[in-house]
Structure formats: C-alpha cells, structure tokens
Amino acid sequence: MKDIDLALFSGADIPIEGIDKLILHQPSIKEISMIGEKQFFSGVRVLIIDKSDLSNQGERDLSNTTNFQIFMTIMREEKAKESKQAVKEVFSLIIPNAQIIFSPRALLINCGEYNITIDEENFEIFQNVLRQVFCLKKDEEHTKLSGKKAAAIAEKIKKGKAKVAEIKGDTVGSVYARYLSSLSVGLKFPLSELLNYTIYQIHDLLERFSLWTSWDIDIRSRLAGADVKDKPEDWMKNIHKD
C-alpha cells in the first residue's frame, strides 16, 4: 500500500491507491463542525464497520459475509435512514461536490466528468484509509461493540434489518472542543488556528505534547535536586507505529 504518513501529517488530500481517481479530502475540525461531531462519527462508524466487531453470537455465521455486504445491508434498511443520511454527510466532507448513489451492488460516486465505484473489491481499501485519517483502529475499545449489541446486529443482518450502533463516548459536549481548548492553552496556539487542523493532526499534537510535558517535568525535577529514578519516554519517539 502507498505510504500516506506524510500526507496524513500535512493534512493534504490523499489519492487512494487501488481506487481509480478517488482523492480523499481530510476535513478540518471546522469543516466537521458544519455537520456536527456526533453526526460525523455516526457516519464514519458505519463506513468503517467490520465483521470482526460483530461477535458471532447469532445463528448466522458471518465468516462468508464481507464488510461491504454488511455496509450495504445497513444502507438498504428502511429503519436506518438516519445512518444513511450521516454517511452521505460524511461523504460531503471527504469527497466534496460529489454525488453519492447507492446501487444494489456498489456505491457510486459521481464527480462530474468521471465516476468512481466502491464495491466488494475495494471497499476494505477505502475503510483502511478512513481508519488512518480519523485515527480509528480496529483494536481500539471505542470502535468495538458490546456482546449484546453485536448479537443484536448479527440477528438483524439475518433478517435483513441491520443497523449500526453509535460510537461509544460522552453524551454531553464535544470531545474535540475539549481537545482544542486544552491544546490552545497548553501550546499557546490561537484556537482559530487549531480549528483548521485535521483529526490526525490534533491526535498527533495531543500525544506529542503529553510526551514533551512528562519530559519537561522530569528535567525540571532533576535540576531542582529531586531523586528521580524513572526516565520519561523519549518525547520525539515514533508515535504512529501500527
């Protein structure tokens, strides 16, 4: 797969290798605020849905079911109109000015002069890039579903009535508002500047600032004569290892 590490860090648009002509825009926090944080992550959660998150507790075996099939089941579900709308709004941010069409066997993206098809062959490539862009890994606790919810979804897939569960998280206030507020004070950056950063850039700053703070406290403590036995982590270490 093409190396996109520097593109993620710079906030640049990302041509997705394996999906012809598809260039993904990394939305800033300000752009995400246009549709709302909860709506944004509701749509993202549907887009990155993975069958491994659905514990096989129902009668149906999902081993022969693809992520794309689960996604399309959700998009066809009459009761999942809110999820479908959230997905469309996410697409309005990551592929601006494109028209999204859900056909029986593919997701069609009309960009005016050309069309892009996302289907069984390339959907997981698309998902992998989204996870990197939005800092959502398969093994992170907040992207998984509880056993009861997983069983419920597996059963609904069997009946053709699947729907996605909302991302686990705080129900009051914006997570990224708190992140940006903290960084603005800690780094003495104008809030207006941080609002133009992407999710990846915000996560990078948070992690690096945390490491640097621990290192700085350690140095100050040693200079003050404190008996410090443990060494802090290298604040310049690679924080983006898989």
C-alpha atoms as a PDB file:
ATOM      1  CA  MET A   1       0.000   0.000   0.000  1.00  0.00           C
ATOM      2  CA  LYS A   2       1.153   3.521  -0.789  1.00  0.00           C
ATOM      3  CA  ASP A   3       2.840   5.405   2.057  1.00  0.00           C
ATOM      4  CA  ILE A   4       0.469   8.149   3.228  1.00  0.00           C
ATOM      5  CA  ASP A   5       2.125   9.035   6.550  1.00  0.00           C
ATOM      6  CA  LEU A   6       3.365  12.447   5.430  1.00  0.00           C
ATOM      7  CA  ALA A   7       0.058  13.242   3.728  1.00  0.00           C
ATOM      8  CA  LEU A   8      -1.748  12.449   6.979  1.00  0.00           C
ATOM      9  CA  PHE A   9       0.599  14.698   8.925  1.00  0.00           C
ATOM     10  CA  SER A  10       0.375  17.571   6.428  1.00  0.00           C
ATOM     11  CA  GLY A  11      -3.408  17.390   6.097  1.00  0.00           C
ATOM     12  CA  ALA A  12      -3.152  17.061   2.316  1.00  0.00           C
ATOM     13  CA  ASP A  13      -5.757  15.368   0.133  1.00  0.00           C
ATOM     14  CA  ILE A  14      -4.977  11.659  -0.350  1.00  0.00           C
ATOM     15  CA  PRO A  15      -5.225   9.760  -3.664  1.00  0.00           C
ATOM     16  CA  ILE A  16      -6.334   6.256  -2.641  1.00  0.00           C
ATOM     17  CA  GLU A  17      -4.246   3.561  -4.256  1.00  0.00           C
ATOM     18  CA  GLY A  18      -6.469   0.787  -5.542  1.00  0.00           C
ATOM     19  CA  ILE A  19      -9.485   3.013  -6.207  1.00  0.00           C
ATOM     20  CA  ASP A  20      -9.006   4.801  -9.514  1.00  0.00           C
ATOM     21  CA  LYS A  21      -9.414   8.602  -9.403  1.00  0.00           C
ATOM     22  CA  LEU A  22     -10.590   8.684  -5.791  1.00  0.00           C
ATOM     23  CA  ILE A  23      -8.964  11.526  -3.851  1.00  0.00           C
ATOM     24  CA  LEU A  24      -9.978  11.787  -0.209  1.00  0.00           C
ATOM     25  CA  HIS A  25     -10.091  15.186   1.493  1.00  0.00           C
ATOM     26  CA  GLN A  26      -9.086  15.285   5.161  1.00  0.00           C
ATOM     27  CA  PRO A  27     -11.695  17.557   6.753  1.00  0.00           C
ATOM     28  CA  SER A  28     -10.636  20.067   9.368  1.00  0.00           C
ATOM     29  CA  ILE A  29     -12.332  20.308  12.740  1.00  0.00           C
ATOM     30  CA  LYS A  30     -14.067  23.450  11.492  1.00  0.00           C
ATOM     31  CA  GLU A  31     -15.433  21.575   8.458  1.00  0.00           C
ATOM     32  CA  ILE A  32     -16.613  18.687  10.648  1.00  0.00           C
ATOM     33  CA  SER A  33     -18.462  21.180  12.838  1.00  0.00           C
ATOM     34  CA  MET A  34     -20.641  22.029   9.826  1.00  0.00           C
ATOM     35  CA  ILE A  35     -22.451  18.684  10.157  1.00  0.00           C
ATOM     36  CA  GLY A  36     -21.852  18.162  13.876  1.00  0.00           C
ATOM     37  CA  GLU A  37     -19.425  15.892  15.673  1.00  0.00           C
ATOM     38  CA  LYS A  38     -21.985  13.221  16.610  1.00  0.00           C
ATOM     39  CA  GLN A  39     -23.409  13.092  13.094  1.00  0.00           C
ATOM     40  CA  PHE A  40     -19.902  12.887  11.667  1.00  0.00           C
ATOM     41  CA  PHE A  41     -18.808   9.955  13.807  1.00  0.00           C
ATOM     42  CA  SER A  42     -22.153   8.227  13.357  1.00  0.00           C
ATOM     43  CA  GLY A  43     -21.483   8.191   9.600  1.00  0.00           C
ATOM     44  CA  VAL A  44     -17.831   7.236   9.988  1.00  0.00           C
ATOM     45  CA  ARG A  45     -18.765   4.356  12.282  1.00  0.00           C
ATOM     46  CA  VAL A  46     -20.996   2.897   9.567  1.00  0.00           C
ATOM     47  CA  LEU A  47     -18.309   3.335   6.928  1.00  0.00           C
ATOM     48  CA  ILE A  48     -15.627   1.530   8.927  1.00  0.00           C
ATOM     49  CA  ILE A  49     -17.902  -1.254  10.178  1.00  0.00           C
ATOM     50  CA  ASP A  50     -16.048  -4.548  10.396  1.00  0.00           C
ATOM     51  CA  LYS A  51     -17.495  -8.022  10.733  1.00  0.00           C
ATOM     52  CA  SER A  52     -14.842  -8.867  13.347  1.00  0.00           C
ATOM     53  CA  ASP A  53     -16.563  -6.317  15.614  1.00  0.00           C
ATOM     54  CA  LEU A  54     -19.757  -8.333  15.386  1.00  0.00           C
ATOM     55  CA  SER A  55     -19.329 -11.239  17.743  1.00  0.00           C
ATOM     56  CA  ASN A  56     -20.707 -14.384  16.156  1.00  0.00           C
ATOM     57  CA  GLN A  57     -23.368 -14.936  18.786  1.00  0.00           C
ATOM     58  CA  GLY A  58     -26.322 -15.165  16.446  1.00  0.00           C
ATOM     59  CA  GLU A  59     -27.482 -18.096  14.370  1.00  0.00           C
ATOM     60  CA  ARG A  60     -25.880 -16.808  11.202  1.00  0.00           C
ATOM     61  CA  ASP A  61     -22.180 -17.368  10.543  1.00  0.00           C
ATOM     62  CA  LEU A  62     -20.596 -14.112   9.281  1.00  0.00           C
ATOM     63  CA  SER A  63     -17.351 -15.747   8.118  1.00  0.00           C
ATOM     64  CA  ASN A  64     -18.515 -15.637   4.487  1.00  0.00           C
ATOM     65  CA  THR A  65     -20.001 -12.161   4.789  1.00  0.00           C
ATOM     66  CA  THR A  66     -17.888  -9.176   3.711  1.00  0.00           C
ATOM     67  CA  ASN A  67     -17.706  -5.752   5.307  1.00  0.00           C
ATOM     68  CA  PHE A  68     -19.203  -4.335   2.122  1.00  0.00           C
ATOM     69  CA  GLN A  69     -22.220  -6.636   2.351  1.00  0.00           C
ATOM     70  CA  ILE A  70     -22.836  -5.537   5.943  1.00  0.00           C
ATOM     71  CA  PHE A  71     -22.473  -1.888   4.925  1.00  0.00           C
ATOM     72  CA  MET A  72     -24.914  -2.247   2.022  1.00  0.00           C
ATOM     73  CA  THR A  73     -27.391  -4.086   4.263  1.00  0.00           C
ATOM     74  CA  ILE A  74     -27.397  -1.067   6.548  1.00  0.00           C
ATOM     75  CA  MET A  75     -27.821   1.320   3.615  1.00  0.00           C
ATOM     76  CA  ARG A  76     -30.853  -0.644   2.366  1.00  0.00           C
ATOM     77  CA  GLU A  77     -32.525  -0.893   5.761  1.00  0.00           C
ATOM     78  CA  GLU A  78     -35.651   1.239   5.893  1.00  0.00           C
ATOM     79  CA  LYS A  79     -35.178   1.945   9.595  1.00  0.00           C
ATOM     80  CA  ALA A  80     -31.592   3.105   9.073  1.00  0.00           C
ATOM     81  CA  LYS A  81     -32.425   6.384   7.307  1.00  0.00           C
ATOM     82  CA  GLU A  82     -30.516   8.398   9.902  1.00  0.00           C
ATOM     83  CA  SER A  83     -27.405   6.279   9.405  1.00  0.00           C
ATOM     84  CA  LYS A  84     -27.661   6.638   5.633  1.00  0.00           C
ATOM     85  CA  GLN A  85     -28.000  10.410   5.951  1.00  0.00           C
ATOM     86  CA  ALA A  86     -24.974  10.525   8.276  1.00  0.00           C
ATOM     87  CA  VAL A  87     -22.929   8.559   5.722  1.00  0.00           C
ATOM     88  CA  LYS A  88     -23.934  10.980   2.958  1.00  0.00           C
ATOM     89  CA  GLU A  89     -22.938  13.956   5.085  1.00  0.00           C
ATOM     90  CA  VAL A  90     -19.533  12.403   5.798  1.00  0.00           C
ATOM     91  CA  PHE A  91     -19.048  11.924   2.059  1.00  0.00           C
ATOM     92  CA  SER A  92     -19.879  15.608   1.550  1.00  0.00           C
ATOM     93  CA  LEU A  93     -16.778  16.372   3.626  1.00  0.00           C
ATOM     94  CA  ILE A  94     -14.298  13.759   2.407  1.00  0.00           C
ATOM     95  CA  ILE A  95     -15.281  13.942  -1.285  1.00  0.00           C
ATOM     96  CA  PRO A  96     -16.670  17.477  -1.715  1.00  0.00           C
ATOM     97  CA  ASN A  97     -19.026  18.301  -4.584  1.00  0.00           C
ATOM     98  CA  ALA A  98     -19.612  14.647  -5.459  1.00  0.00           C
ATOM     99  CA  GLN A  99     -22.974  12.934  -5.838  1.00  0.00           C
ATOM    100  CA  ILE A 100     -23.342   9.659  -3.912  1.00  0.00           C
ATOM    101  CA  ILE A 101     -25.569   6.925  -5.353  1.00  0.00           C
ATOM    102  CA  PHE A 102     -26.287   3.607  -3.647  1.00  0.00           C
ATOM    103  CA  SER A 103     -26.883   0.932  -6.279  1.00  0.00           C
ATOM    104  CA  PRO A 104     -27.770  -2.691  -5.417  1.00  0.00           C
ATOM    105  CA  ARG A 105     -24.169  -3.865  -5.742  1.00  0.00           C
ATOM    106  CA  ALA A 106     -21.985  -0.795  -5.443  1.00  0.00           C
ATOM    107  CA  LEU A 107     -21.518   2.682  -4.072  1.00  0.00           C
ATOM    108  CA  LEU A 108     -21.271   5.095  -6.997  1.00  0.00           C
ATOM    109  CA  ILE A 109     -19.550   8.449  -6.671  1.00  0.00           C
ATOM    110  CA  ASN A 110     -20.233  10.921  -9.467  1.00  0.00           C
ATOM    111  CA  CYS A 111     -17.612  13.661  -9.658  1.00  0.00           C
ATOM    112  CA  GLY A 112     -18.944  15.405 -12.743  1.00  0.00           C
ATOM    113  CA  GLU A 113     -16.609  14.336 -15.526  1.00  0.00           C
ATOM    114  CA  TYR A 114     -15.994  10.856 -14.142  1.00  0.00           C
ATOM    115  CA  ASN A 115     -17.498   8.187 -11.895  1.00  0.00           C
ATOM    116  CA  ILE A 116     -15.899   6.196  -9.102  1.00  0.00           C
ATOM    117  CA  THR A 117     -17.127   2.795  -7.978  1.00  0.00           C
ATOM    118  CA  ILE A 118     -16.665   1.365  -4.486  1.00  0.00           C
ATOM    119  CA  ASP A 119     -17.661  -2.276  -4.232  1.00  0.00           C
ATOM    120  CA  GLU A 120     -16.641  -5.696  -2.910  1.00  0.00           C
ATOM    121  CA  GLU A 121     -13.205  -5.394  -4.496  1.00  0.00           C
ATOM    122  CA  ASN A 122     -12.048  -2.118  -2.969  1.00  0.00           C
ATOM    123  CA  PHE A 123     -14.308  -1.279  -0.001  1.00  0.00           C
ATOM    124  CA  GLU A 124     -11.836  -2.515   2.609  1.00  0.00           C
ATOM    125  CA  ILE A 125      -9.065  -0.444   0.990  1.00  0.00           C
ATOM    126  CA  PHE A 126     -11.315   2.572   1.458  1.00  0.00           C
ATOM    127  CA  GLN A 127     -12.048   1.569   5.063  1.00  0.00           C
ATOM    128  CA  ASN A 128      -8.361   1.208   5.870  1.00  0.00           C
ATOM    129  CA  VAL A 129      -7.602   4.755   4.707  1.00  0.00           C
ATOM    130  CA  LEU A 130     -10.560   6.126   6.687  1.00  0.00           C
ATOM    131  CA  ARG A 131      -9.309   4.437   9.865  1.00  0.00           C
ATOM    132  CA  GLN A 132      -5.921   6.081   9.418  1.00  0.00           C
ATOM    133  CA  VAL A 133      -7.334   9.505   8.579  1.00  0.00           C
ATOM    134  CA  PHE A 134      -9.687   9.500  11.563  1.00  0.00           C
ATOM    135  CA  CYS A 135      -7.372   7.660  13.993  1.00  0.00           C
ATOM    136  CA  LEU A 136      -9.744   4.735  14.450  1.00  0.00           C
ATOM    137  CA  LYS A 137      -8.018   1.372  14.661  1.00  0.00           C
ATOM    138  CA  LYS A 138      -9.779  -1.982  14.682  1.00  0.00           C
ATOM    139  CA  ASP A 139      -8.459  -2.922  18.103  1.00  0.00           C
ATOM    140  CA  GLU A 140      -9.406   0.307  19.877  1.00  0.00           C
ATOM    141  CA  GLU A 141     -12.050  -0.169  22.539  1.00  0.00           C
ATOM    142  CA  HIS A 142     -14.243   2.711  21.430  1.00  0.00           C
ATOM    143  CA  THR A 143     -14.721   1.262  17.934  1.00  0.00           C
ATOM    144  CA  LYS A 144     -15.999  -2.081  19.163  1.00  0.00           C
ATOM    145  CA  LEU A 145     -19.483  -3.166  20.049  1.00  0.00           C
ATOM    146  CA  SER A 146     -20.533  -4.845  23.259  1.00  0.00           C
ATOM    147  CA  GLY A 147     -21.533  -8.503  23.167  1.00  0.00           C
ATOM    148  CA  LYS A 148     -25.253  -7.769  23.447  1.00  0.00           C
ATOM    149  CA  LYS A 149     -25.202  -5.157  20.702  1.00  0.00           C
ATOM    150  CA  ALA A 150     -23.111  -7.417  18.472  1.00  0.00           C
ATOM    151  CA  ALA A 151     -25.551 -10.272  18.910  1.00  0.00           C
ATOM    152  CA  ALA A 152     -28.472  -7.984  18.166  1.00  0.00           C
ATOM    153  CA  ILE A 153     -26.860  -6.721  14.971  1.00  0.00           C
ATOM    154  CA  ALA A 154     -25.959 -10.237  13.842  1.00  0.00           C
ATOM    155  CA  GLU A 155     -29.596 -11.227  14.264  1.00  0.00           C
ATOM    156  CA  LYS A 156     -30.813  -8.198  12.347  1.00  0.00           C
ATOM    157  CA  ILE A 157     -28.429  -8.967   9.497  1.00  0.00           C
ATOM    158  CA  LYS A 158     -30.044 -12.386   9.328  1.00  0.00           C
ATOM    159  CA  LYS A 159     -33.446 -10.748   8.935  1.00  0.00           C
ATOM    160  CA  GLY A 160     -32.185  -8.088   6.558  1.00  0.00           C
ATOM    161  CA  LYS A 161     -32.724  -5.387   9.174  1.00  0.00           C
ATOM    162  CA  ALA A 162     -29.206  -4.484  10.301  1.00  0.00           C
ATOM    163  CA  LYS A 163     -28.384  -1.127  11.799  1.00  0.00           C
ATOM    164  CA  VAL A 164     -25.221   0.314  13.278  1.00  0.00           C
ATOM    165  CA  ALA A 165     -24.637   1.178  16.932  1.00  0.00           C
ATOM    166  CA  GLU A 166     -23.444   4.666  17.784  1.00  0.00           C
ATOM    167  CA  ILE A 167     -19.853   5.267  18.776  1.00  0.00           C
ATOM    168  CA  LYS A 168     -19.277   4.809  22.464  1.00  0.00           C
ATOM    169  CA  GLY A 169     -18.414   8.113  24.077  1.00  0.00           C
ATOM    170  CA  ASP A 170     -19.541  11.089  26.067  1.00  0.00           C
ATOM    171  CA  THR A 171     -23.161  12.125  25.596  1.00  0.00           C
ATOM    172  CA  VAL A 172     -22.656  15.724  26.622  1.00  0.00           C
ATOM    173  CA  GLY A 173     -20.370  18.237  24.927  1.00  0.00           C
ATOM    174  CA  SER A 174     -17.836  17.920  22.169  1.00  0.00           C
ATOM    175  CA  VAL A 175     -14.761  15.749  22.596  1.00  0.00           C
ATOM    176  CA  TYR A 176     -12.785  17.793  20.073  1.00  0.00           C
ATOM    177  CA  ALA A 177     -13.851  21.072  21.628  1.00  0.00           C
ATOM    178  CA  ARG A 178     -12.144  19.905  24.829  1.00  0.00           C
ATOM    179  CA  TYR A 179      -9.093  18.709  22.908  1.00  0.00           C
ATOM    180  CA  LEU A 180      -8.697  22.029  21.115  1.00  0.00           C
ATOM    181  CA  SER A 181      -9.319  24.080  24.230  1.00  0.00           C
ATOM    182  CA  SER A 182      -6.635  22.140  26.101  1.00  0.00           C
ATOM    183  CA  LEU A 183      -4.119  22.411  23.264  1.00  0.00           C
ATOM    184  CA  SER A 184      -4.792  26.110  22.813  1.00  0.00           C
ATOM    185  CA  VAL A 185      -3.933  26.780  26.466  1.00  0.00           C
ATOM    186  CA  GLY A 186      -1.062  24.294  26.682  1.00  0.00           C
ATOM    187  CA  LEU A 187       0.643  25.238  23.419  1.00  0.00           C
ATOM    188  CA  LYS A 188      -0.447  28.869  23.407  1.00  0.00           C
ATOM    189  CA  PHE A 189      -1.881  28.391  19.915  1.00  0.00           C
ATOM    190  CA  PRO A 190      -4.813  30.539  18.775  1.00  0.00           C
ATOM    191  CA  LEU A 191      -7.997  28.490  18.817  1.00  0.00           C
ATOM    192  CA  SER A 192      -8.822  29.815  15.352  1.00  0.00           C
ATOM    193  CA  GLU A 193      -5.638  28.175  14.055  1.00  0.00           C
ATOM    194  CA  LEU A 194      -6.302  24.809  15.680  1.00  0.00           C
ATOM    195  CA  LEU A 195      -9.792  24.688  14.183  1.00  0.00           C
ATOM    196  CA  ASN A 196      -8.154  24.309  10.769  1.00  0.00           C
ATOM    197  CA  TYR A 197      -6.272  21.175  11.859  1.00  0.00           C
ATOM    198  CA  THR A 198      -7.416  17.670  10.899  1.00  0.00           C
ATOM    199  CA  ILE A 199      -8.289  14.902  13.342  1.00  0.00           C
ATOM    200  CA  TYR A 200      -4.949  13.203  12.651  1.00  0.00           C
ATOM    201  CA  GLN A 201      -3.037  16.414  13.353  1.00  0.00           C
ATOM    202  CA  ILE A 202      -4.933  17.015  16.605  1.00  0.00           C
ATOM    203  CA  HIS A 203      -4.213  13.477  17.822  1.00  0.00           C
ATOM    204  CA  ASP A 204      -0.550  13.904  16.881  1.00  0.00           C
ATOM    205  CA  LEU A 205      -0.283  17.166  18.832  1.00  0.00           C
ATOM    206  CA  LEU A 206      -2.034  15.718  21.878  1.00  0.00           C
ATOM    207  CA  GLU A 207       0.272  12.711  22.038  1.00  0.00           C
ATOM    208  CA  ARG A 208       3.454  14.697  21.394  1.00  0.00           C
ATOM    209  CA  PHE A 209       2.529  17.427  23.876  1.00  0.00           C
ATOM    210  CA  SER A 210       1.827  14.811  26.537  1.00  0.00           C
ATOM    211  CA  LEU A 211       5.240  13.189  25.996  1.00  0.00           C
ATOM    212  CA  TRP A 212       7.020  16.543  25.997  1.00  0.00           C
ATOM    213  CA  THR A 213       5.257  17.614  29.216  1.00  0.00           C
ATOM    214  CA  SER A 214       6.416  14.448  31.009  1.00  0.00           C
ATOM    215  CA  TRP A 215       9.978  15.005  29.738  1.00  0.00           C
ATOM    216  CA  ASP A 216       9.954  18.675  30.785  1.00  0.00           C
ATOM    217  CA  ILE A 217       8.698  17.865  34.288  1.00  0.00           C
ATOM    218  CA  ASP A 218      11.421  15.237  34.640  1.00  0.00           C
ATOM    219  CA  ILE A 219      14.178  17.687  33.643  1.00  0.00           C
ATOM    220  CA  ARG A 220      12.890  20.394  35.976  1.00  0.00           C
ATOM    221  CA  SER A 221      12.650  17.909  38.845  1.00  0.00           C
ATOM    222  CA  ARG A 222      16.229  16.724  38.351  1.00  0.00           C
ATOM    223  CA  LEU A 223      17.550  20.282  38.170  1.00  0.00           C
ATOM    224  CA  ALA A 224      15.739  21.026  41.421  1.00  0.00           C
ATOM    225  CA  GLY A 225      17.576  18.143  43.084  1.00  0.00           C
ATOM    226  CA  ALA A 226      14.774  15.595  43.195  1.00  0.00           C
ATOM    227  CA  ASP A 227      15.734  11.931  43.316  1.00  0.00           C
ATOM    228  CA  VAL A 228      14.043  10.754  40.119  1.00  0.00           C
ATOM    229  CA  LYS A 229      14.615   7.096  39.312  1.00  0.00           C
ATOM    230  CA  ASP A 230      12.333   6.510  36.331  1.00  0.00           C
ATOM    231  CA  LYS A 231      13.191   8.024  32.973  1.00  0.00           C
ATOM    232  CA  PRO A 232      10.435   9.569  30.849  1.00  0.00           C
ATOM    233  CA  GLU A 233       9.726   8.286  27.364  1.00  0.00           C
ATOM    234  CA  ASP A 234      11.588   9.932  24.511  1.00  0.00           C
ATOM    235  CA  TRP A 235       9.246  12.775  23.561  1.00  0.00           C
ATOM    236  CA  MET A 236      10.481  12.634  19.955  1.00  0.00           C
ATOM    237  CA  LYS A 237       9.811   8.907  19.508  1.00  0.00           C
ATOM    238  CA  ASN A 238       7.683   7.492  16.703  1.00  0.00           C
ATOM    239  CA  ILE A 239       4.119   7.768  17.973  1.00  0.00           C
ATOM    240  CA  HIS A 240       2.469   6.361  14.867  1.00  0.00           C
ATOM    241  CA  LYS A 241       3.560   2.747  14.994  1.00  0.00           C
ATOM    242  CA  ASP A 242       0.946   0.191  13.973  1.00  0.00           C
END
